[in-house]
PDB file of N, CA and C in Angstrom:
ATOM      1  N   UNK A   1      -9.209-102.779  60.244  1.00  0.00           N
ATOM      2  CA  UNK A   1      -8.453-103.535  61.221  1.00  0.00           C
ATOM      3  C   UNK A   1      -9.213-103.626  62.556  1.00  0.00           C
ATOM      4  N   UNK A   2      -9.854-102.505  62.951  1.00  0.00           N
ATOM      5  CA  UNK A   2     -10.613-102.502  64.202  1.00  0.00           C
ATOM      6  C   UNK A   2     -11.772-103.483  64.143  1.00  0.00           C
ATOM      7  N   UNK A   3     -12.411-103.590  62.968  1.00  0.00           N
ATOM      8  CA  UNK A   3     -13.529-104.502  62.819  1.00  0.00           C
ATOM      9  C   UNK A   3     -13.093-105.953  62.990  1.00  0.00           C
ATOM     10  N   UNK A   4     -11.931-106.283  62.488  1.00  0.00           N
ATOM     11  CA  UNK A   4     -11.412-107.650  62.611  1.00  0.00           C
ATOM     12  C   UNK A   4     -11.112-107.973  64.069  1.00  0.00           C
ATOM     13  N   UNK A   5     -10.495-107.047  64.771  1.00  0.00           N
ATOM     14  CA  UNK A   5     -10.168-107.258  66.187  1.00  0.00           C
ATOM     15  C   UNK A   5     -11.443-107.395  67.007  1.00  0.00           C
ATOM     16  N   UNK A   6     -12.425-106.553  66.724  1.00  0.00           N
ATOM     17  CA  UNK A   6     -13.705-106.634  67.429  1.00  0.00           C
ATOM     18  C   UNK A   6     -14.391-107.963  67.159  1.00  0.00           C
ATOM     19  N   UNK A   7     -14.372-108.394  65.915  1.00  0.00           N
ATOM     20  CA  UNK A   7     -14.976-109.672  65.547  1.00  0.00           C
ATOM     21  C   UNK A   7     -14.277-110.838  66.236  1.00  0.00           C
ATOM     22  N   UNK A   8     -12.964-110.801  66.309  1.00  0.00           N
ATOM     23  CA  UNK A   8     -12.208-111.855  66.994  1.00  0.00           C
ATOM     24  C   UNK A   8     -12.514-111.874  68.493  1.00  0.00           C
ATOM     25  N   UNK A   9     -12.613-110.692  69.088  1.00  0.00           N
ATOM     26  CA  UNK A   9     -12.931-110.609  70.520  1.00  0.00           C
ATOM     27  C   UNK A   9     -14.324-111.144  70.799  1.00  0.00           C
ATOM     28  N   UNK A  10     -15.293-110.791  69.964  1.00  0.00           N
ATOM     29  CA  UNK A  10     -16.654-111.298  70.139  1.00  0.00           C
ATOM     30  C   UNK A  10     -16.715-112.815  69.959  1.00  0.00           C
ATOM     31  N   UNK A  11     -15.995-113.320  68.981  1.00  0.00           N
ATOM     32  CA  UNK A  11     -15.966-114.766  68.740  1.00  0.00           C
ATOM     33  C   UNK A  11     -15.343-115.490  69.923  1.00  0.00           C
ATOM     34  N   UNK A  12     -14.253-114.958  70.450  1.00  0.00           N
ATOM     35  CA  UNK A  12     -13.608-115.581  71.602  1.00  0.00           C
ATOM     36  C   UNK A  12     -14.529-115.568  72.814  1.00  0.00           C
ATOM     37  N   UNK A  13     -15.250-114.458  73.010  1.00  0.00           N
ATOM     38  CA  UNK A  13     -16.196-114.379  74.124  1.00  0.00           C
ATOM     39  C   UNK A  13     -17.328-115.369  73.969  1.00  0.00           C
ATOM     40  N   UNK A  14     -17.833-115.511  72.760  1.00  0.00           N
ATOM     41  CA  UNK A  14     -18.915-116.455  72.506  1.00  0.00           C
ATOM     42  C   UNK A  14     -18.466-117.895  72.739  1.00  0.00           C
ATOM     43  N   UNK A  15     -17.285-118.231  72.297  1.00  0.00           N
ATOM     44  CA  UNK A  15     -16.758-119.584  72.510  1.00  0.00           C
ATOM     45  C   UNK A  15     -16.556-119.849  73.997  1.00  0.00           C
ATOM     46  N   UNK A  16     -16.029-118.884  74.707  1.00  0.00           N
ATOM     47  CA  UNK A  16     -15.837-119.037  76.156  1.00  0.00           C
ATOM     48  C   UNK A  16     -17.177-119.225  76.856  1.00  0.00           C
ATOM     49  N   UNK A  17     -18.163-118.416  76.505  1.00  0.00           N
ATOM     50  CA  UNK A  17     -19.497-118.538  77.099  1.00  0.00           C
ATOM     51  C   UNK A  17     -20.097-119.900  76.811  1.00  0.00           C
ATOM     52  N   UNK A  18     -19.968-120.393  75.585  1.00  0.00           N
ATOM     53  CA  UNK A  18     -20.515-121.693  75.217  1.00  0.00           C
ATOM     54  C   UNK A  18     -19.911-122.804  76.075  1.00  0.00           C
ATOM     55  N   UNK A  19     -18.585-122.821  76.217  1.00  0.00           N
ATOM     56  CA  UNK A  19     -17.951-123.874  77.006  1.00  0.00           C
ATOM     57  C   UNK A  19     -18.302-123.770  78.485  1.00  0.00           C
ATOM     58  N   UNK A  20     -18.438-122.545  79.001  1.00  0.00           N
ATOM     59  CA  UNK A  20     -18.842-122.373  80.388  1.00  0.00           C
ATOM     60  C   UNK A  20     -20.246-122.924  80.614  1.00  0.00           C
ATOM     61  N   UNK A  21     -21.189-122.571  79.733  1.00  0.00           N
ATOM     62  CA  UNK A  21     -22.566-123.038  79.878  1.00  0.00           C
ATOM     63  C   UNK A  21     -22.647-124.548  79.722  1.00  0.00           C
ATOM     64  N   UNK A  22     -21.898-125.092  78.784  1.00  0.00           N
ATOM     65  CA  UNK A  22     -21.909-126.547  78.579  1.00  0.00           C
ATOM     66  C   UNK A  22     -21.391-127.254  79.834  1.00  0.00           C
ATOM     67  N   UNK A  23     -20.337-126.717  80.412  1.00  0.00           N
ATOM     68  CA  UNK A  23     -19.767-127.312  81.631  1.00  0.00           C
ATOM     69  C   UNK A  23     -20.756-127.202  82.798  1.00  0.00           C
ATOM     70  N   UNK A  24     -21.436-126.075  82.913  1.00  0.00           N
ATOM     71  CA  UNK A  24     -22.395-125.857  83.997  1.00  0.00           C
ATOM     72  C   UNK A  24     -23.574-126.805  83.877  1.00  0.00           C
ATOM     73  N   UNK A  25     -24.151-126.930  82.689  1.00  0.00           N
ATOM     74  CA  UNK A  25     -25.342-127.742  82.521  1.00  0.00           C
ATOM     75  C   UNK A  25     -25.065-129.232  82.539  1.00  0.00           C
ATOM     76  N   UNK A  26     -23.817-129.631  82.359  1.00  0.00           N
ATOM     77  CA  UNK A  26     -23.484-131.042  82.489  1.00  0.00           C
ATOM     78  C   UNK A  26     -23.620-131.503  83.930  1.00  0.00           C
ATOM     79  N   UNK A  27     -23.468-130.583  84.879  1.00  0.00           N
ATOM     80  CA  UNK A  27     -23.539-130.938  86.294  1.00  0.00           C
ATOM     81  C   UNK A  27     -24.968-131.162  86.773  1.00  0.00           C
ATOM     82  N   UNK A  28     -25.948-130.706  86.013  1.00  0.00           N
ATOM     83  CA  UNK A  28     -27.342-130.823  86.428  1.00  0.00           C
ATOM     84  C   UNK A  28     -27.846-132.213  86.074  1.00  0.00           C
ATOM     85  N   UNK A  29     -28.226-132.999  87.055  1.00  0.00           N
ATOM     86  CA  UNK A  29     -28.679-134.359  86.750  1.00  0.00           C
ATOM     87  C   UNK A  29     -29.999-134.362  85.986  1.00  0.00           C
ATOM     88  N   UNK A  30     -30.162-135.334  85.125  1.00  0.00           N
ATOM     89  CA  UNK A  30     -31.370-135.455  84.316  1.00  0.00           C
ATOM     90  C   UNK A  30     -32.592-135.665  85.202  1.00  0.00           C
ATOM     91  N   UNK A  31     -32.395-136.207  86.387  1.00  0.00           N
ATOM     92  CA  UNK A  31     -33.512-136.476  87.294  1.00  0.00           C
ATOM     93  C   UNK A  31     -34.218-135.193  87.694  1.00  0.00           C
ATOM     94  N   UNK A  32     -33.511-134.061  87.658  1.00  0.00           N
ATOM     95  CA  UNK A  32     -34.158-132.796  88.015  1.00  0.00           C
ATOM     96  C   UNK A  32     -35.251-132.437  87.015  1.00  0.00           C
ATOM     97  N   UNK A  33     -35.026-132.743  85.758  1.00  0.00           N
ATOM     98  CA  UNK A  33     -36.058-132.483  84.759  1.00  0.00           C
ATOM     99  C   UNK A  33     -37.214-133.467  84.897  1.00  0.00           C
ATOM    100  N   UNK A  34     -36.910-134.683  85.278  1.00  0.00           N
ATOM    101  CA  UNK A  34     -37.949-135.692  85.464  1.00  0.00           C
ATOM    102  C   UNK A  34     -38.881-135.283  86.597  1.00  0.00           C
ATOM    103  N   UNK A  35     -38.339-134.683  87.649  1.00  0.00           N
ATOM    104  CA  UNK A  35     -39.191-134.269  88.761  1.00  0.00           C
ATOM    105  C   UNK A  35     -40.175-133.184  88.318  1.00  0.00           C
ATOM    106  N   UNK A  36     -39.769-132.315  87.376  1.00  0.00           N
ATOM    107  CA  UNK A  36     -40.697-131.323  86.849  1.00  0.00           C
ATOM    108  C   UNK A  36     -41.847-131.990  86.112  1.00  0.00           C
ATOM    109  N   UNK A  37     -41.532-133.011  85.328  1.00  0.00           N
ATOM    110  CA  UNK A  37     -42.586-133.732  84.620  1.00  0.00           C
ATOM    111  C   UNK A  37     -43.529-134.414  85.613  1.00  0.00           C
ATOM    112  N   UNK A  38     -42.958-135.003  86.661  1.00  0.00           N
ATOM    113  CA  UNK A  38     -43.786-135.680  87.663  1.00  0.00           C
ATOM    114  C   UNK A  38     -44.735-134.689  88.336  1.00  0.00           C
ATOM    115  N   UNK A  39     -44.228-133.498  88.633  1.00  0.00           N
ATOM    116  CA  UNK A  39     -45.049-132.477  89.271  1.00  0.00           C
ATOM    117  C   UNK A  39     -46.210-132.083  88.370  1.00  0.00           C
ATOM    118  N   UNK A  40     -45.950-131.925  87.088  1.00  0.00           N
ATOM    119  CA  UNK A  40     -47.004-131.542  86.151  1.00  0.00           C
ATOM    120  C   UNK A  40     -48.035-132.662  86.020  1.00  0.00           C
ATOM    121  N   UNK A  41     -47.572-133.890  85.920  1.00  0.00           N
ATOM    122  CA  UNK A  41     -48.493-135.010  85.737  1.00  0.00           C
ATOM    123  C   UNK A  41     -49.345-135.264  86.977  1.00  0.00           C
ATOM    124  N   UNK A  42     -48.728-135.177  88.157  1.00  0.00           N
ATOM    125  CA  UNK A  42     -49.469-135.439  89.390  1.00  0.00           C
ATOM    126  C   UNK A  42     -50.253-134.217  89.856  1.00  0.00           C
ATOM    127  N   UNK A  43     -49.793-133.033  89.465  1.00  0.00           N
ATOM    128  CA  UNK A  43     -50.493-131.815  89.842  1.00  0.00           C
ATOM    129  C   UNK A  43     -50.312-131.434  91.295  1.00  0.00           C
ATOM    130  N   UNK A  44     -49.257-131.901  91.930  1.00  0.00           N
ATOM    131  CA  UNK A  44     -49.044-131.543  93.329  1.00  0.00           C
ATOM    132  C   UNK A  44     -47.566-131.572  93.676  1.00  0.00           C
ATOM    133  N   UNK A  45     -47.236-130.898  94.740  1.00  0.00           N
ATOM    134  CA  UNK A  45     -45.877-130.881  95.263  1.00  0.00           C
ATOM    135  C   UNK A  45     -45.818-131.807  96.470  1.00  0.00           C
ATOM    136  N   UNK A  46     -44.670-132.353  96.716  1.00  0.00           N
ATOM    137  CA  UNK A  46     -44.526-133.153  97.928  1.00  0.00           C
ATOM    138  C   UNK A  46     -43.142-132.912  98.525  1.00  0.00           C
ATOM    139  N   UNK A  47     -42.989-133.316  99.771  1.00  0.00           N
ATOM    140  CA  UNK A  47     -41.728-133.049 100.458  1.00  0.00           C
ATOM    141  C   UNK A  47     -40.564-133.826  99.865  1.00  0.00           C
ATOM    142  N   UNK A  48     -40.848-134.954  99.195  1.00  0.00           N
ATOM    143  CA  UNK A  48     -39.750-135.686  98.568  1.00  0.00           C
ATOM    144  C   UNK A  48     -39.145-134.867  97.433  1.00  0.00           C
ATOM    145  N   UNK A  49     -39.964-134.049  96.774  1.00  0.00           N
ATOM    146  CA  UNK A  49     -39.428-133.183  95.727  1.00  0.00           C
ATOM    147  C   UNK A  49     -38.545-132.096  96.339  1.00  0.00           C
ATOM    148  N   UNK A  50     -38.935-131.598  97.489  1.00  0.00           N
ATOM    149  CA  UNK A  50     -38.104-130.612  98.178  1.00  0.00           C
ATOM    150  C   UNK A  50     -36.758-131.223  98.544  1.00  0.00           C
ATOM    151  N   UNK A  51     -36.778-132.433  99.087  1.00  0.00           N
ATOM    152  CA  UNK A  51     -35.505-133.069  99.445  1.00  0.00           C
ATOM    153  C   UNK A  51     -34.673-133.346  98.196  1.00  0.00           C
ATOM    154  N   UNK A  52     -35.334-133.637  97.090  1.00  0.00           N
ATOM    155  CA  UNK A  52     -34.630-133.842  95.832  1.00  0.00           C
ATOM    156  C   UNK A  52     -33.894-132.567  95.410  1.00  0.00           C
ATOM    157  N   UNK A  53     -34.586-131.427  95.451  1.00  0.00           N
ATOM    158  CA  UNK A  53     -33.963-130.166  95.054  1.00  0.00           C
ATOM    159  C   UNK A  53     -32.909-129.718  96.057  1.00  0.00           C
ATOM    160  N   UNK A  54     -33.090-130.048  97.327  1.00  0.00           N
ATOM    161  CA  UNK A  54     -32.047-129.740  98.309  1.00  0.00           C
ATOM    162  C   UNK A  54     -30.769-130.500  97.979  1.00  0.00           C
ATOM    163  N   UNK A  55     -30.920-131.740  97.549  1.00  0.00           N
ATOM    164  CA  UNK A  55     -29.762-132.536  97.151  1.00  0.00           C
ATOM    165  C   UNK A  55     -29.072-131.910  95.945  1.00  0.00           C
ATOM    166  N   UNK A  56     -29.855-131.433  94.994  1.00  0.00           N
ATOM    167  CA  UNK A  56     -29.284-130.816  93.790  1.00  0.00           C
ATOM    168  C   UNK A  56     -28.472-129.576  94.147  1.00  0.00           C
ATOM    169  N   UNK A  57     -29.015-128.705  95.005  1.00  0.00           N
ATOM    170  CA  UNK A  57     -28.262-127.483  95.329  1.00  0.00           C
ATOM    171  C   UNK A  57     -27.073-127.777  96.248  1.00  0.00           C
ATOM    172  N   UNK A  58     -27.133-128.871  96.987  1.00  0.00           N
ATOM    173  CA  UNK A  58     -25.945-129.257  97.762  1.00  0.00           C
ATOM    174  C   UNK A  58     -24.841-129.740  96.840  1.00  0.00           C
ATOM    175  N   UNK A  59     -25.218-130.474  95.791  1.00  0.00           N
ATOM    176  CA  UNK A  59     -24.228-130.973  94.832  1.00  0.00           C
ATOM    177  C   UNK A  59     -23.681-129.855  93.955  1.00  0.00           C
ATOM    178  N   UNK A  60     -24.512-128.894  93.633  1.00  0.00           N
ATOM    179  CA  UNK A  60     -24.106-127.792  92.773  1.00  0.00           C
ATOM    180  C   UNK A  60     -24.650-126.476  93.331  1.00  0.00           C
ATOM    181  N   UNK A  61     -23.990-125.919  94.348  1.00  0.00           N
ATOM    182  CA  UNK A  61     -24.512-124.703  94.999  1.00  0.00           C
ATOM    183  C   UNK A  61     -24.482-123.461  94.112  1.00  0.00           C
ATOM    184  N   UNK A  62     -23.827-123.523  92.960  1.00  0.00           N
ATOM    185  CA  UNK A  62     -23.794-122.366  92.063  1.00  0.00           C
ATOM    186  C   UNK A  62     -24.853-122.465  90.968  1.00  0.00           C
ATOM    187  N   UNK A  63     -25.913-123.233  91.205  1.00  0.00           N
ATOM    188  CA  UNK A  63     -26.992-123.430  90.233  1.00  0.00           C
ATOM    189  C   UNK A  63     -28.199-122.600  90.658  1.00  0.00           C
ATOM    190  N   UNK A  64     -28.364-121.381  90.099  1.00  0.00           N
ATOM    191  CA  UNK A  64     -29.436-120.491  90.559  1.00  0.00           C
ATOM    192  C   UNK A  64     -30.836-121.035  90.289  1.00  0.00           C
ATOM    193  N   UNK A  65     -31.015-121.809  89.213  1.00  0.00           N
ATOM    194  CA  UNK A  65     -32.331-122.374  88.934  1.00  0.00           C
ATOM    195  C   UNK A  65     -32.753-123.350  90.023  1.00  0.00           C
ATOM    196  N   UNK A  66     -31.785-124.073  90.580  1.00  0.00           N
ATOM    197  CA  UNK A  66     -32.085-124.997  91.675  1.00  0.00           C
ATOM    198  C   UNK A  66     -32.555-124.260  92.912  1.00  0.00           C
ATOM    199  N   UNK A  67     -31.865-123.167  93.232  1.00  0.00           N
ATOM    200  CA  UNK A  67     -32.266-122.363  94.394  1.00  0.00           C
ATOM    201  C   UNK A  67     -33.639-121.735  94.177  1.00  0.00           C
ATOM    202  N   UNK A  68     -33.898-121.283  92.926  1.00  0.00           N
ATOM    203  CA  UNK A  68     -35.199-120.679  92.624  1.00  0.00           C
ATOM    204  C   UNK A  68     -36.312-121.714  92.741  1.00  0.00           C
ATOM    205  N   UNK A  69     -36.079-122.913  92.240  1.00  0.00           N
ATOM    206  CA  UNK A  69     -37.082-123.975  92.327  1.00  0.00           C
ATOM    207  C   UNK A  69     -37.334-124.342  93.789  1.00  0.00           C
ATOM    208  N   UNK A  70     -36.282-124.416  94.566  1.00  0.00           N
ATOM    209  CA  UNK A  70     -36.416-124.736  95.982  1.00  0.00           C
ATOM    210  C   UNK A  70     -37.212-123.649  96.703  1.00  0.00           C
ATOM    211  N   UNK A  71     -36.958-122.386  96.377  1.00  0.00           N
ATOM    212  CA  UNK A  71     -37.719-121.281  96.978  1.00  0.00           C
ATOM    213  C   UNK A  71     -39.193-121.385  96.607  1.00  0.00           C
ATOM    214  N   UNK A  72     -39.452-121.703  95.353  1.00  0.00           N
ATOM    215  CA  UNK A  72     -40.828-121.859  94.896  1.00  0.00           C
ATOM    216  C   UNK A  72     -41.543-122.977  95.671  1.00  0.00           C
ATOM    217  N   UNK A  73     -40.868-124.086  95.870  1.00  0.00           N
ATOM    218  CA  UNK A  73     -41.462-125.207  96.612  1.00  0.00           C
ATOM    219  C   UNK A  73     -41.707-124.848  98.068  1.00  0.00           C
ATOM    220  N   UNK A  74     -40.754-124.126  98.670  1.00  0.00           N
ATOM    221  CA  UNK A  74     -40.935-123.722 100.066  1.00  0.00           C
ATOM    222  C   UNK A  74     -42.110-122.767 100.201  1.00  0.00           C
ATOM    223  N   UNK A  75     -42.279-121.864  99.229  1.00  0.00           N
ATOM    224  CA  UNK A  75     -43.418-120.944  99.268  1.00  0.00           C
ATOM    225  C   UNK A  75     -44.733-121.700  99.154  1.00  0.00           C
ATOM    226  N   UNK A  76     -44.771-122.702  98.293  1.00  0.00           N
ATOM    227  CA  UNK A  76     -45.992-123.487  98.136  1.00  0.00           C
ATOM    228  C   UNK A  76     -46.330-124.280  99.393  1.00  0.00           C
ATOM    229  N   UNK A  77     -45.321-124.568 100.217  1.00  0.00           N
ATOM    230  CA  UNK A  77     -45.533-125.301 101.460  1.00  0.00           C
ATOM    231  C   UNK A  77     -45.560-124.375 102.676  1.00  0.00           C
ATOM    232  N   UNK A  78     -45.733-123.066 102.421  1.00  0.00           N
ATOM    233  CA  UNK A  78     -45.862-122.056 103.490  1.00  0.00           C
ATOM    234  C   UNK A  78     -44.669-122.009 104.439  1.00  0.00           C
ATOM    235  N   UNK A  79     -43.479-122.189 103.922  1.00  0.00           N
ATOM    236  CA  UNK A  79     -42.257-122.068 104.724  1.00  0.00           C
ATOM    237  C   UNK A  79     -41.484-120.856 104.226  1.00  0.00           C
ATOM    238  N   UNK A  80     -41.972-119.666 104.608  1.00  0.00           N
ATOM    239  CA  UNK A  80     -41.393-118.423 104.105  1.00  0.00           C
ATOM    240  C   UNK A  80     -39.954-118.208 104.564  1.00  0.00           C
ATOM    241  N   UNK A  81     -39.613-118.698 105.750  1.00  0.00           N
ATOM    242  CA  UNK A  81     -38.249-118.529 106.242  1.00  0.00           C
ATOM    243  C   UNK A  81     -37.248-119.257 105.347  1.00  0.00           C
ATOM    244  N   UNK A  82     -37.571-120.491 104.982  1.00  0.00           N
ATOM    245  CA  UNK A  82     -36.680-121.261 104.124  1.00  0.00           C
ATOM    246  C   UNK A  82     -36.719-120.740 102.692  1.00  0.00           C
ATOM    247  N   UNK A  83     -37.870-120.256 102.253  1.00  0.00           N
ATOM    248  CA  UNK A  83     -37.981-119.676 100.914  1.00  0.00           C
ATOM    249  C   UNK A  83     -37.114-118.424 100.801  1.00  0.00           C
ATOM    250  N   UNK A  84     -37.103-117.632 101.855  1.00  0.00           N
ATOM    251  CA  UNK A  84     -36.302-116.408 101.852  1.00  0.00           C
ATOM    252  C   UNK A  84     -34.814-116.731 101.717  1.00  0.00           C
ATOM    253  N   UNK A  85     -34.355-117.759 102.419  1.00  0.00           N
ATOM    254  CA  UNK A  85     -32.949-118.174 102.317  1.00  0.00           C
ATOM    255  C   UNK A  85     -32.633-118.631 100.894  1.00  0.00           C
ATOM    256  N   UNK A  86     -33.520-119.416 100.298  1.00  0.00           N
ATOM    257  CA  UNK A  86     -33.291-119.920  98.943  1.00  0.00           C
ATOM    258  C   UNK A  86     -33.282-118.792  97.919  1.00  0.00           C
ATOM    259  N   UNK A  87     -34.187-117.834  98.087  1.00  0.00           N
ATOM    260  CA  UNK A  87     -34.228-116.688  97.173  1.00  0.00           C
ATOM    261  C   UNK A  87     -32.950-115.869  97.306  1.00  0.00           C
ATOM    262  N   UNK A  88     -32.467-115.708  98.530  1.00  0.00           N
ATOM    263  CA  UNK A  88     -31.221-114.952  98.741  1.00  0.00           C
ATOM    264  C   UNK A  88     -30.053-115.629  98.032  1.00  0.00           C
ATOM    265  N   UNK A  89     -29.999-116.951  98.107  1.00  0.00           N
ATOM    266  CA  UNK A  89     -28.933-117.684  97.430  1.00  0.00           C
ATOM    267  C   UNK A  89     -29.042-117.514  95.910  1.00  0.00           C
ATOM    268  N   UNK A  90     -30.258-117.593  95.391  1.00  0.00           N
ATOM    269  CA  UNK A  90     -30.466-117.443  93.947  1.00  0.00           C
ATOM    270  C   UNK A  90     -30.102-116.027  93.492  1.00  0.00           C
ATOM    271  N   UNK A  91     -30.484-115.013  94.284  1.00  0.00           N
ATOM    272  CA  UNK A  91     -30.159-113.627  93.952  1.00  0.00           C
ATOM    273  C   UNK A  91     -28.661-113.394  93.943  1.00  0.00           C
ATOM    274  N   UNK A  92     -27.963-114.036  94.853  1.00  0.00           N
ATOM    275  CA  UNK A  92     -26.511-113.889  94.907  1.00  0.00           C
ATOM    276  C   UNK A  92     -25.871-114.399  93.610  1.00  0.00           C
ATOM    277  N   UNK A  93     -26.436-115.463  93.049  1.00  0.00           N
ATOM    278  CA  UNK A  93     -25.875-116.064  91.841  1.00  0.00           C
ATOM    279  C   UNK A  93     -26.371-115.402  90.555  1.00  0.00           C
ATOM    280  N   UNK A  94     -27.614-114.936  90.562  1.00  0.00           N
ATOM    281  CA  UNK A  94     -28.205-114.335  89.360  1.00  0.00           C
ATOM    282  C   UNK A  94     -29.073-113.145  89.764  1.00  0.00           C
ATOM    283  N   UNK A  95     -28.451-111.998  90.020  1.00  0.00           N
ATOM    284  CA  UNK A  95     -29.196-110.864  90.587  1.00  0.00           C
ATOM    285  C   UNK A  95     -30.187-110.177  89.641  1.00  0.00           C
ATOM    286  N   UNK A  96     -30.131-110.443  88.348  1.00  0.00           N
ATOM    287  CA  UNK A  96     -30.970-109.699  87.405  1.00  0.00           C
ATOM    288  C   UNK A  96     -32.121-110.517  86.834  1.00  0.00           C
ATOM    289  N   UNK A  97     -32.443-111.637  87.441  1.00  0.00           N
ATOM    290  CA  UNK A  97     -33.518-112.478  86.909  1.00  0.00           C
ATOM    291  C   UNK A  97     -34.882-111.965  87.371  1.00  0.00           C
ATOM    292  N   UNK A  98     -35.801-111.843  86.434  1.00  0.00           N
ATOM    293  CA  UNK A  98     -37.133-111.317  86.749  1.00  0.00           C
ATOM    294  C   UNK A  98     -37.964-112.298  87.561  1.00  0.00           C
ATOM    295  N   UNK A  99     -37.798-113.596  87.304  1.00  0.00           N
ATOM    296  CA  UNK A  99     -38.590-114.576  88.047  1.00  0.00           C
ATOM    297  C   UNK A  99     -38.244-114.572  89.528  1.00  0.00           C
ATOM    298  N   UNK A 100     -37.013-114.209  89.853  1.00  0.00           N
ATOM    299  CA  UNK A 100     -36.632-114.108  91.264  1.00  0.00           C
ATOM    300  C   UNK A 100     -37.309-112.908  91.916  1.00  0.00           C
ATOM    301  N   UNK A 101     -37.465-111.845  91.148  1.00  0.00           N
ATOM    302  CA  UNK A 101     -38.184-110.671  91.673  1.00  0.00           C
ATOM    303  C   UNK A 101     -39.631-111.055  91.989  1.00  0.00           C
ATOM    304  N   UNK A 102     -40.246-111.866  91.117  1.00  0.00           N
ATOM    305  CA  UNK A 102     -41.612-112.297  91.343  1.00  0.00           C
ATOM    306  C   UNK A 102     -41.709-113.162  92.600  1.00  0.00           C
ATOM    307  N   UNK A 103     -40.747-114.055  92.790  1.00  0.00           N
ATOM    308  CA  UNK A 103     -40.739-114.885  94.005  1.00  0.00           C
ATOM    309  C   UNK A 103     -40.574-114.016  95.243  1.00  0.00           C
ATOM    310  N   UNK A 104     -39.724-112.992  95.133  1.00  0.00           N
ATOM    311  CA  UNK A 104     -39.516-112.098  96.279  1.00  0.00           C
ATOM    312  C   UNK A 104     -40.797-111.344  96.614  1.00  0.00           C
ATOM    313  N   UNK A 105     -41.570-110.968  95.599  1.00  0.00           N
ATOM    314  CA  UNK A 105     -42.833-110.289  95.827  1.00  0.00           C
ATOM    315  C   UNK A 105     -43.837-111.218  96.506  1.00  0.00           C
ATOM    316  N   UNK A 106     -43.824-112.510  96.152  1.00  0.00           N
ATOM    317  CA  UNK A 106     -44.726-113.482  96.772  1.00  0.00           C
ATOM    318  C   UNK A 106     -44.402-113.672  98.243  1.00  0.00           C
ATOM    319  N   UNK A 107     -43.178-113.419  98.607  1.00  0.00           N
ATOM    320  CA  UNK A 107     -42.748-113.599  99.982  1.00  0.00           C
ATOM    321  C   UNK A 107     -43.365-112.541 100.894  1.00  0.00           C
ATOM    322  N   UNK A 108     -43.668-111.375 100.359  1.00  0.00           N
ATOM    323  CA  UNK A 108     -44.190-110.281 101.194  1.00  0.00           C
ATOM    324  C   UNK A 108     -45.635-110.459 101.535  1.00  0.00           C
TER     325      UNK A 108
END
């Protein structure tokens, strides 16, 4: 009986997690992925990409990947003050991500 209850609880948790993630990722515009492709193809960052990511985090402030990307762009443009703010926002939303630790180390 305990195994059945545990299995039902795990299934309910998995279904809840799936719907939460689906709802979260629907808010991320497809243009954000296109900007990554543009960056790879052109091989450079520009301020229009920063303004693009600022728009994304304004539209969805609970998107830690957006804050992390914005911090990365600010670091590449030598704006440590703004990068620090973006990293703090990302840490608040996802405190256990290793890539954020790496960005924090780059800040020092």
